[in-house]
């Protein structure tokens, strides 16, 4: 899924040209950690931004991606917040 204003990085272009594909586990918004600016915490709490994802919410999708169940799943993006 592409979002408006998204631009590929040079490394992403090289990966695409190489033919490699991989799965991405994306929180879909910021992760509720101390590294997120206080303004983002406030905006999320007030509903002006997507809800922040707690790090422990990312564990189930990560465990799935590294499981045998996902052996044939390739090139997918798993968004936790959409």
C-alpha atoms as a PDB file:
ATOM      1  CA  UNK A   1       0.000   0.000   0.000  1.00  0.00           C
ATOM      2  CA  UNK A   2       1.380   3.414  -0.946  1.00  0.00           C
ATOM      3  CA  UNK A   3       0.532   6.546   0.929  1.00  0.00           C
ATOM      4  CA  UNK A   4       0.523  10.076  -0.547  1.00  0.00           C
ATOM      5  CA  UNK A   5       3.934  11.643  -0.268  1.00  0.00           C
ATOM      6  CA  UNK A   6       5.736   8.303  -0.024  1.00  0.00           C
ATOM      7  CA  UNK A   7       9.051   8.056  -1.858  1.00  0.00           C
ATOM      8  CA  UNK A   8      11.204   4.955  -2.300  1.00  0.00           C
ATOM      9  CA  UNK A   9      14.626   5.014  -0.716  1.00  0.00           C
ATOM     10  CA  UNK A  10      17.628   4.009  -2.867  1.00  0.00           C
ATOM     11  CA  UNK A  11      17.923   0.770  -0.871  1.00  0.00           C
ATOM     12  CA  UNK A  12      14.250  -0.060  -1.540  1.00  0.00           C
ATOM     13  CA  UNK A  13      14.803   0.497  -5.257  1.00  0.00           C
ATOM     14  CA  UNK A  14      17.818  -1.863  -5.211  1.00  0.00           C
ATOM     15  CA  UNK A  15      15.786  -4.526  -3.371  1.00  0.00           C
ATOM     16  CA  UNK A  16      12.935  -4.233  -5.887  1.00  0.00           C
ATOM     17  CA  UNK A  17      15.333  -4.545  -8.816  1.00  0.00           C
ATOM     18  CA  UNK A  18      16.946  -7.610  -7.218  1.00  0.00           C
ATOM     19  CA  UNK A  19      13.662  -9.533  -7.271  1.00  0.00           C
ATOM     20  CA  UNK A  20      13.723 -10.168  -3.513  1.00  0.00           C
ATOM     21  CA  UNK A  21      10.487  -9.946  -1.617  1.00  0.00           C
ATOM     22  CA  UNK A  22       9.832  -9.991   2.085  1.00  0.00           C
ATOM     23  CA  UNK A  23       7.131  -9.413   4.664  1.00  0.00           C
ATOM     24  CA  UNK A  24       6.802  -6.181   6.595  1.00  0.00           C
ATOM     25  CA  UNK A  25       5.272  -5.867  10.049  1.00  0.00           C
ATOM     26  CA  UNK A  26       4.258  -2.241  10.468  1.00  0.00           C
ATOM     27  CA  UNK A  27       2.629  -0.700  13.536  1.00  0.00           C
ATOM     28  CA  UNK A  28       0.610   1.499  11.156  1.00  0.00           C
ATOM     29  CA  UNK A  29       1.230   4.559  13.301  1.00  0.00           C
ATOM     30  CA  UNK A  30       3.721   5.444  15.962  1.00  0.00           C
ATOM     31  CA  UNK A  31       4.583   2.969  18.665  1.00  0.00           C
ATOM     32  CA  UNK A  32       3.771   4.034  22.204  1.00  0.00           C
ATOM     33  CA  UNK A  33       7.320   4.300  23.502  1.00  0.00           C
ATOM     34  CA  UNK A  34       9.317   7.099  25.149  1.00  0.00           C
ATOM     35  CA  UNK A  35      10.909   7.849  21.745  1.00  0.00           C
ATOM     36  CA  UNK A  36       7.613   9.284  20.432  1.00  0.00           C
ATOM     37  CA  UNK A  37       7.235  13.031  20.895  1.00  0.00           C
ATOM     38  CA  UNK A  38       4.848  14.227  23.579  1.00  0.00           C
ATOM     39  CA  UNK A  39       2.835  16.056  20.904  1.00  0.00           C
ATOM     40  CA  UNK A  40       2.142  12.746  19.150  1.00  0.00           C
ATOM     41  CA  UNK A  41       0.969  11.173  22.406  1.00  0.00           C
ATOM     42  CA  UNK A  42      -1.420  14.106  22.919  1.00  0.00           C
ATOM     43  CA  UNK A  43      -2.699  14.065  19.322  1.00  0.00           C
ATOM     44  CA  UNK A  44      -3.313  10.317  19.501  1.00  0.00           C
ATOM     45  CA  UNK A  45      -5.075  10.559  22.861  1.00  0.00           C
ATOM     46  CA  UNK A  46      -7.323  13.378  21.561  1.00  0.00           C
ATOM     47  CA  UNK A  47      -8.159  11.492  18.366  1.00  0.00           C
ATOM     48  CA  UNK A  48      -6.280  13.850  16.031  1.00  0.00           C
ATOM     49  CA  UNK A  49      -3.887  11.090  14.973  1.00  0.00           C
ATOM     50  CA  UNK A  50      -4.038   7.313  14.727  1.00  0.00           C
ATOM     51  CA  UNK A  51      -3.899   5.430  18.008  1.00  0.00           C
ATOM     52  CA  UNK A  52      -0.375   4.616  19.069  1.00  0.00           C
ATOM     53  CA  UNK A  53       0.412   0.912  19.123  1.00  0.00           C
ATOM     54  CA  UNK A  54       1.927  -0.578  22.264  1.00  0.00           C
ATOM     55  CA  UNK A  55       5.090  -2.614  21.555  1.00  0.00           C
ATOM     56  CA  UNK A  56       3.514  -5.787  22.984  1.00  0.00           C
ATOM     57  CA  UNK A  57       0.736  -5.512  20.357  1.00  0.00           C
ATOM     58  CA  UNK A  58       3.353  -6.196  17.697  1.00  0.00           C
ATOM     59  CA  UNK A  59       4.357  -9.565  19.178  1.00  0.00           C
ATOM     60  CA  UNK A  60       1.554 -11.706  17.623  1.00  0.00           C
ATOM     61  CA  UNK A  61       2.119 -10.503  14.028  1.00  0.00           C
ATOM     62  CA  UNK A  62       5.879 -10.868  14.456  1.00  0.00           C
ATOM     63  CA  UNK A  63       5.496 -14.407  15.785  1.00  0.00           C
ATOM     64  CA  UNK A  64       3.258 -15.253  12.832  1.00  0.00           C
ATOM     65  CA  UNK A  65       5.746 -13.943  10.269  1.00  0.00           C
ATOM     66  CA  UNK A  66       8.552 -16.084  11.696  1.00  0.00           C
ATOM     67  CA  UNK A  67       6.371 -19.186  12.125  1.00  0.00           C
ATOM     68  CA  UNK A  68       6.128 -22.237   9.853  1.00  0.00           C
ATOM     69  CA  UNK A  69       2.539 -21.162   9.098  1.00  0.00           C
ATOM     70  CA  UNK A  70       3.910 -18.175   7.194  1.00  0.00           C
ATOM     71  CA  UNK A  71       6.451 -20.119   5.128  1.00  0.00           C
ATOM     72  CA  UNK A  72       4.463 -19.511   1.948  1.00  0.00           C
ATOM     73  CA  UNK A  73       3.512 -15.928   2.799  1.00  0.00           C
ATOM     74  CA  UNK A  74       5.847 -13.573   1.014  1.00  0.00           C
ATOM     75  CA  UNK A  75       5.671  -9.949  -0.048  1.00  0.00           C
ATOM     76  CA  UNK A  76       2.925  -9.046   2.418  1.00  0.00           C
ATOM     77  CA  UNK A  77       2.603  -6.004   4.634  1.00  0.00           C
ATOM     78  CA  UNK A  78       0.937  -6.496   8.015  1.00  0.00           C
ATOM     79  CA  UNK A  79      -0.387  -3.206   9.411  1.00  0.00           C
ATOM     80  CA  UNK A  80      -1.416  -3.368  13.058  1.00  0.00           C
ATOM     81  CA  UNK A  81      -3.326  -0.100  13.117  1.00  0.00           C
ATOM     82  CA  UNK A  82      -5.505  -0.302   9.982  1.00  0.00           C
END
